[in-house]
Amino acid sequence: MRPARHPAVAAAARLRQAVEQSAAAMATGQVDRLLAGEAALQDAVATLPRPSTLSDDDRRELRAELDAAADALVRCRHLGSSLTAFVRISLDAQGRAAGYDPTSIMAARLGGRALNTRV
């Protein structure tokens, strides 16, 4: 039987799982899961204890969990960038403001543009 995990390792595992849940939600376009993932992330970060004295095994486990969480976070960043680009392109194609522009000034400036080509 395996001994119980150190609290720091268990907290890092919860953090990794929360980040992976967020990445999976972004990859599949599930906004509800993404929003639920935010609460899980907050909880995981809030419960991260300061690692006191860790055994070598606990230190290796903690390092592996934190590395996995960092990898999942990189995946989230890539997915978020891709999603942002997709939304920006979609809004541009519709002539809408690209960003949080309540006055739609940007959309008005972009309107009426044409592509000039020679055939």
N, C-alpha and C. Protein backbone atom coordinates (compact mmCIF):
# COMPACT_ATOMS: atom_id res chain seq x y z
N MET A 1 0.83 -1.18 0.00
CA MET A 1 0.00 0.00 0.00
C MET A 1 0.88 1.25 0.00
N ARG A 2 0.54 2.19 -0.83
CA ARG A 2 1.32 3.41 -0.97
C ARG A 2 0.99 4.39 0.15
N PRO A 3 2.00 5.02 0.72
CA PRO A 3 1.73 6.00 1.77
C PRO A 3 0.99 7.21 1.20
N ALA A 4 0.31 7.94 2.06
CA ALA A 4 -0.43 9.12 1.64
C ALA A 4 0.51 10.16 1.05
N ARG A 5 0.02 10.88 0.07
CA ARG A 5 0.82 11.92 -0.56
C ARG A 5 1.01 13.09 0.40
N HIS A 6 2.11 13.75 0.23
CA HIS A 6 2.36 14.98 0.98
C HIS A 6 1.31 16.00 0.54
N PRO A 7 0.80 16.84 1.46
CA PRO A 7 -0.23 17.83 1.09
C PRO A 7 0.18 18.75 -0.07
N ALA A 8 1.45 19.09 -0.15
CA ALA A 8 1.91 19.95 -1.25
C ALA A 8 1.80 19.23 -2.59
N VAL A 9 2.09 17.93 -2.60
CA VAL A 9 1.99 17.14 -3.84
C VAL A 9 0.52 16.99 -4.23
N ALA A 10 -0.34 16.72 -3.26
CA ALA A 10 -1.78 16.59 -3.55
C ALA A 10 -2.35 17.90 -4.07
N ALA A 11 -1.95 19.02 -3.51
CA ALA A 11 -2.42 20.33 -3.97
C ALA A 11 -1.92 20.62 -5.38
N ALA A 12 -0.68 20.27 -5.67
CA ALA A 12 -0.14 20.47 -7.02
C ALA A 12 -0.89 19.60 -8.03
N ALA A 13 -1.28 18.40 -7.62
CA ALA A 13 -2.06 17.53 -8.50
C ALA A 13 -3.42 18.15 -8.79
N ARG A 14 -4.05 18.75 -7.79
CA ARG A 14 -5.34 19.42 -8.01
C ARG A 14 -5.17 20.61 -8.96
N LEU A 15 -4.07 21.32 -8.81
CA LEU A 15 -3.79 22.45 -9.70
C LEU A 15 -3.62 21.95 -11.14
N ARG A 16 -2.84 20.90 -11.32
CA ARG A 16 -2.63 20.33 -12.66
C ARG A 16 -3.96 19.89 -13.27
N GLN A 17 -4.79 19.21 -12.48
CA GLN A 17 -6.08 18.73 -12.98
C GLN A 17 -6.99 19.90 -13.39
N ALA A 18 -6.96 20.97 -12.61
CA ALA A 18 -7.79 22.14 -12.93
C ALA A 18 -7.33 22.80 -14.22
N VAL A 19 -6.02 22.91 -14.42
CA VAL A 19 -5.51 23.51 -15.66
C VAL A 19 -5.82 22.61 -16.85
N GLU A 20 -5.67 21.30 -16.68
CA GLU A 20 -6.01 20.36 -17.75
C GLU A 20 -7.49 20.43 -18.09
N GLN A 21 -8.34 20.60 -17.07
CA GLN A 21 -9.78 20.72 -17.29
C GLN A 21 -10.08 21.98 -18.11
N SER A 22 -9.41 23.06 -17.80
CA SER A 22 -9.60 24.30 -18.56
C SER A 22 -9.14 24.14 -20.01
N ALA A 23 -8.01 23.49 -20.20
CA ALA A 23 -7.52 23.26 -21.57
C ALA A 23 -8.48 22.39 -22.36
N ALA A 24 -8.99 21.34 -21.74
CA ALA A 24 -9.95 20.46 -22.42
C ALA A 24 -11.22 21.21 -22.77
N ALA A 25 -11.66 22.09 -21.88
CA ALA A 25 -12.87 22.87 -22.15
C ALA A 25 -12.65 23.83 -23.32
N MET A 26 -11.47 24.46 -23.38
CA MET A 26 -11.17 25.35 -24.50
C MET A 26 -11.07 24.58 -25.80
N ALA A 27 -10.45 23.41 -25.75
CA ALA A 27 -10.26 22.62 -26.97
C ALA A 27 -11.57 22.14 -27.55
N THR A 28 -12.57 21.95 -26.68
CA THR A 28 -13.86 21.43 -27.16
C THR A 28 -14.94 22.49 -27.19
N GLY A 29 -14.60 23.73 -26.84
CA GLY A 29 -15.57 24.83 -26.90
C GLY A 29 -16.67 24.73 -25.87
N GLN A 30 -16.38 24.18 -24.71
CA GLN A 30 -17.39 24.03 -23.65
C GLN A 30 -17.21 25.14 -22.62
N VAL A 31 -17.95 26.22 -22.82
CA VAL A 31 -17.81 27.40 -21.98
C VAL A 31 -18.18 27.09 -20.53
N ASP A 32 -19.21 26.28 -20.31
CA ASP A 32 -19.61 25.95 -18.94
C ASP A 32 -18.47 25.25 -18.19
N ARG A 33 -17.81 24.32 -18.86
CA ARG A 33 -16.68 23.62 -18.23
C ARG A 33 -15.51 24.58 -17.99
N LEU A 34 -15.32 25.51 -18.91
CA LEU A 34 -14.25 26.49 -18.75
C LEU A 34 -14.51 27.37 -17.52
N LEU A 35 -15.75 27.81 -17.36
CA LEU A 35 -16.09 28.62 -16.20
C LEU A 35 -16.00 27.82 -14.91
N ALA A 36 -16.38 26.56 -14.95
CA ALA A 36 -16.24 25.70 -13.77
C ALA A 36 -14.76 25.48 -13.45
N GLY A 37 -13.96 25.43 -14.47
CA GLY A 37 -12.52 25.26 -14.28
C GLY A 37 -11.89 26.44 -13.56
N GLU A 38 -12.47 27.62 -13.75
CA GLU A 38 -11.94 28.80 -13.06
C GLU A 38 -12.08 28.64 -11.55
N ALA A 39 -13.23 28.15 -11.10
CA ALA A 39 -13.43 27.93 -9.66
C ALA A 39 -12.48 26.86 -9.14
N ALA A 40 -12.27 25.82 -9.95
CA ALA A 40 -11.35 24.76 -9.54
C ALA A 40 -9.92 25.28 -9.44
N LEU A 41 -9.53 26.16 -10.37
CA LEU A 41 -8.20 26.77 -10.32
C LEU A 41 -8.03 27.63 -9.06
N GLN A 42 -9.04 28.43 -8.77
CA GLN A 42 -8.96 29.27 -7.57
C GLN A 42 -8.83 28.42 -6.32
N ASP A 43 -9.61 27.36 -6.25
CA ASP A 43 -9.55 26.47 -5.09
C ASP A 43 -8.19 25.79 -4.99
N ALA A 44 -7.68 25.33 -6.12
CA ALA A 44 -6.39 24.64 -6.12
C ALA A 44 -5.26 25.57 -5.67
N VAL A 45 -5.28 26.79 -6.17
CA VAL A 45 -4.23 27.74 -5.80
C VAL A 45 -4.36 28.13 -4.32
N ALA A 46 -5.59 28.30 -3.87
CA ALA A 46 -5.81 28.69 -2.48
C ALA A 46 -5.36 27.62 -1.49
N THR A 47 -5.38 26.36 -1.91
CA THR A 47 -5.02 25.28 -1.00
C THR A 47 -3.56 24.85 -1.12
N LEU A 48 -2.80 25.52 -1.98
CA LEU A 48 -1.38 25.17 -2.10
C LEU A 48 -0.64 25.55 -0.82
N PRO A 49 -0.15 24.55 -0.10
CA PRO A 49 0.60 24.88 1.12
C PRO A 49 2.05 25.20 0.76
N ARG A 50 2.71 25.82 1.68
CA ARG A 50 4.15 26.03 1.50
C ARG A 50 4.83 24.70 1.79
N PRO A 51 5.60 24.22 0.83
CA PRO A 51 6.26 22.95 1.11
C PRO A 51 7.28 23.11 2.22
N SER A 52 7.08 22.34 3.24
CA SER A 52 8.05 22.39 4.34
C SER A 52 9.19 21.44 3.97
N THR A 53 9.52 20.60 4.84
CA THR A 53 10.57 19.64 4.52
C THR A 53 9.94 18.48 3.76
N LEU A 54 10.42 18.29 2.58
CA LEU A 54 9.91 17.21 1.73
C LEU A 54 10.98 16.13 1.62
N SER A 55 10.50 14.92 1.59
CA SER A 55 11.45 13.83 1.32
C SER A 55 11.85 13.92 -0.15
N ASP A 56 12.88 13.21 -0.52
CA ASP A 56 13.31 13.22 -1.92
C ASP A 56 12.21 12.71 -2.84
N ASP A 57 11.50 11.66 -2.40
CA ASP A 57 10.40 11.12 -3.21
C ASP A 57 9.28 12.15 -3.37
N ASP A 58 8.90 12.82 -2.27
CA ASP A 58 7.86 13.84 -2.34
C ASP A 58 8.30 15.00 -3.22
N ARG A 59 9.55 15.37 -3.13
CA ARG A 59 10.09 16.47 -3.95
C ARG A 59 10.01 16.11 -5.44
N ARG A 60 10.34 14.86 -5.78
CA ARG A 60 10.26 14.41 -7.18
C ARG A 60 8.80 14.41 -7.66
N GLU A 61 7.91 13.92 -6.79
CA GLU A 61 6.49 13.91 -7.15
C GLU A 61 5.95 15.32 -7.34
N LEU A 62 6.33 16.21 -6.43
CA LEU A 62 5.88 17.60 -6.53
C LEU A 62 6.40 18.22 -7.82
N ARG A 63 7.65 17.99 -8.14
CA ARG A 63 8.26 18.52 -9.36
C ARG A 63 7.53 18.01 -10.60
N ALA A 64 7.20 16.72 -10.60
CA ALA A 64 6.49 16.14 -11.74
C ALA A 64 5.10 16.76 -11.90
N GLU A 65 4.40 16.97 -10.81
CA GLU A 65 3.07 17.58 -10.87
C GLU A 65 3.15 19.03 -11.35
N LEU A 66 4.11 19.77 -10.83
CA LEU A 66 4.26 21.16 -11.25
C LEU A 66 4.70 21.28 -12.70
N ASP A 67 5.55 20.38 -13.16
CA ASP A 67 5.94 20.37 -14.58
C ASP A 67 4.73 20.06 -15.46
N ALA A 68 3.92 19.10 -15.04
CA ALA A 68 2.71 18.76 -15.80
C ALA A 68 1.72 19.92 -15.82
N ALA A 69 1.60 20.63 -14.69
CA ALA A 69 0.71 21.80 -14.64
C ALA A 69 1.23 22.89 -15.56
N ALA A 70 2.53 23.10 -15.60
CA ALA A 70 3.12 24.10 -16.49
C ALA A 70 2.89 23.73 -17.95
N ASP A 71 3.02 22.45 -18.28
CA ASP A 71 2.75 22.00 -19.65
C ASP A 71 1.29 22.25 -20.03
N ALA A 72 0.37 21.96 -19.10
CA ALA A 72 -1.05 22.19 -19.36
C ALA A 72 -1.34 23.67 -19.51
N LEU A 73 -0.64 24.50 -18.75
CA LEU A 73 -0.82 25.94 -18.86
C LEU A 73 -0.34 26.46 -20.21
N VAL A 74 0.75 25.92 -20.71
CA VAL A 74 1.23 26.30 -22.05
C VAL A 74 0.17 25.92 -23.09
N ARG A 75 -0.43 24.75 -22.93
CA ARG A 75 -1.51 24.33 -23.84
C ARG A 75 -2.67 25.30 -23.76
N CYS A 76 -3.04 25.73 -22.56
CA CYS A 76 -4.12 26.71 -22.40
C CYS A 76 -3.79 28.01 -23.12
N ARG A 77 -2.55 28.45 -22.99
CA ARG A 77 -2.15 29.69 -23.65
C ARG A 77 -2.27 29.57 -25.16
N HIS A 78 -1.82 28.45 -25.71
CA HIS A 78 -1.92 28.25 -27.16
C HIS A 78 -3.38 28.19 -27.61
N LEU A 79 -4.20 27.48 -26.87
CA LEU A 79 -5.62 27.39 -27.20
C LEU A 79 -6.29 28.75 -27.08
N GLY A 80 -5.94 29.50 -26.05
CA GLY A 80 -6.51 30.83 -25.87
C GLY A 80 -6.10 31.77 -26.98
N SER A 81 -4.86 31.71 -27.41
CA SER A 81 -4.40 32.54 -28.53
C SER A 81 -5.13 32.18 -29.81
N SER A 82 -5.30 30.89 -30.03
CA SER A 82 -6.01 30.44 -31.23
C SER A 82 -7.47 30.89 -31.20
N LEU A 83 -8.09 30.78 -30.05
CA LEU A 83 -9.48 31.19 -29.91
C LEU A 83 -9.62 32.70 -30.11
N THR A 84 -8.68 33.47 -29.57
CA THR A 84 -8.70 34.92 -29.74
C THR A 84 -8.56 35.28 -31.22
N ALA A 85 -7.64 34.62 -31.92
CA ALA A 85 -7.45 34.89 -33.35
C ALA A 85 -8.71 34.53 -34.13
N PHE A 86 -9.33 33.41 -33.79
CA PHE A 86 -10.55 32.99 -34.48
C PHE A 86 -11.66 34.03 -34.29
N VAL A 87 -11.83 34.49 -33.05
CA VAL A 87 -12.88 35.48 -32.78
C VAL A 87 -12.58 36.78 -33.50
N ARG A 88 -11.32 37.21 -33.47
CA ARG A 88 -10.95 38.46 -34.14
C ARG A 88 -11.23 38.37 -35.64
N ILE A 89 -10.84 37.26 -36.25
CA ILE A 89 -11.07 37.09 -37.69
C ILE A 89 -12.56 37.05 -37.98
N SER A 90 -13.32 36.35 -37.15
CA SER A 90 -14.77 36.26 -37.35
C SER A 90 -15.42 37.63 -37.25
N LEU A 91 -15.01 38.42 -36.24
CA LEU A 91 -15.58 39.76 -36.08
C LEU A 91 -15.17 40.67 -37.23
N ASP A 92 -13.92 40.57 -37.66
CA ASP A 92 -13.47 41.39 -38.79
C ASP A 92 -14.27 41.06 -40.05
N ALA A 93 -14.53 39.80 -40.27
CA ALA A 93 -15.28 39.38 -41.45
C ALA A 93 -16.71 39.91 -41.43
N GLN A 94 -17.23 40.14 -40.23
CA GLN A 94 -18.59 40.66 -40.09
C GLN A 94 -18.63 42.18 -40.01
N GLY A 95 -17.46 42.81 -40.03
CA GLY A 95 -17.40 44.27 -39.93
C GLY A 95 -17.66 44.78 -38.54
N ARG A 96 -17.45 43.95 -37.56
CA ARG A 96 -17.67 44.36 -36.17
C ARG A 96 -16.35 44.77 -35.53
N ALA A 97 -16.46 45.47 -34.42
CA ALA A 97 -15.27 45.93 -33.71
C ALA A 97 -14.47 44.75 -33.21
N ALA A 98 -13.17 44.85 -33.35
CA ALA A 98 -12.28 43.80 -32.84
C ALA A 98 -11.81 44.21 -31.47
N GLY A 99 -12.56 43.89 -30.47
CA GLY A 99 -12.20 44.25 -29.10
C GLY A 99 -13.39 44.78 -28.34
N TYR A 100 -13.10 45.37 -27.23
CA TYR A 100 -14.16 45.91 -26.39
C TYR A 100 -14.33 47.38 -26.72
N ASP A 101 -15.03 47.65 -27.79
CA ASP A 101 -15.23 49.01 -28.25
C ASP A 101 -16.73 49.31 -28.22
N PRO A 102 -17.23 49.86 -27.11
CA PRO A 102 -18.67 50.06 -26.98
C PRO A 102 -19.24 51.04 -28.00
N THR A 103 -18.41 51.92 -28.57
CA THR A 103 -18.93 52.90 -29.52
C THR A 103 -18.84 52.41 -30.95
N SER A 104 -18.21 51.29 -31.18
CA SER A 104 -18.04 50.71 -32.53
C SER A 104 -17.31 51.66 -33.47
N ILE A 105 -16.48 52.54 -32.94
CA ILE A 105 -15.71 53.45 -33.78
C ILE A 105 -14.77 52.66 -34.68
N MET A 106 -14.14 51.64 -34.12
CA MET A 106 -13.21 50.84 -34.91
C MET A 106 -13.93 50.19 -36.09
N ALA A 107 -15.11 49.66 -35.87
CA ALA A 107 -15.86 49.02 -36.95
C ALA A 107 -16.21 50.03 -38.04
N ALA A 108 -16.57 51.26 -37.64
CA ALA A 108 -16.90 52.29 -38.63
C ALA A 108 -15.68 52.65 -39.45
N ARG A 109 -14.51 52.72 -38.81
CA ARG A 109 -13.28 53.04 -39.54
C ARG A 109 -12.91 51.93 -40.52
N LEU A 110 -13.21 50.68 -40.14
CA LEU A 110 -12.85 49.57 -41.01
C LEU A 110 -13.87 49.37 -42.13
N GLY A 111 -15.07 49.88 -41.96
CA GLY A 111 -16.11 49.69 -42.95
C GLY A 111 -15.78 50.38 -44.25
N GLY A 112 -16.30 49.86 -45.34
CA GLY A 112 -16.11 50.48 -46.64
C GLY A 112 -14.78 50.20 -47.29
N ARG A 113 -13.96 49.41 -46.68
CA ARG A 113 -12.69 49.07 -47.30
C ARG A 113 -12.92 48.02 -48.37
N ALA A 114 -12.10 48.07 -49.36
CA ALA A 114 -12.23 47.11 -50.45
C ALA A 114 -10.85 46.60 -50.80
N LEU A 115 -10.83 45.45 -51.43
CA LEU A 115 -9.61 44.85 -51.88
C LEU A 115 -9.44 45.16 -53.36
N ASN A 116 -8.39 45.83 -53.71
CA ASN A 116 -8.14 46.17 -55.10
C ASN A 116 -7.18 45.16 -55.70
N THR A 117 -7.60 44.53 -56.75
CA THR A 117 -6.75 43.55 -57.42
C THR A 117 -6.81 43.76 -58.92
N ARG A 118 -5.80 43.32 -59.58
CA ARG A 118 -5.80 43.33 -61.04
C ARG A 118 -5.80 41.90 -61.51
N VAL A 119 -6.58 41.65 -62.47
CA VAL A 119 -6.66 40.28 -63.00
C VAL A 119 -6.00 40.23 -64.35
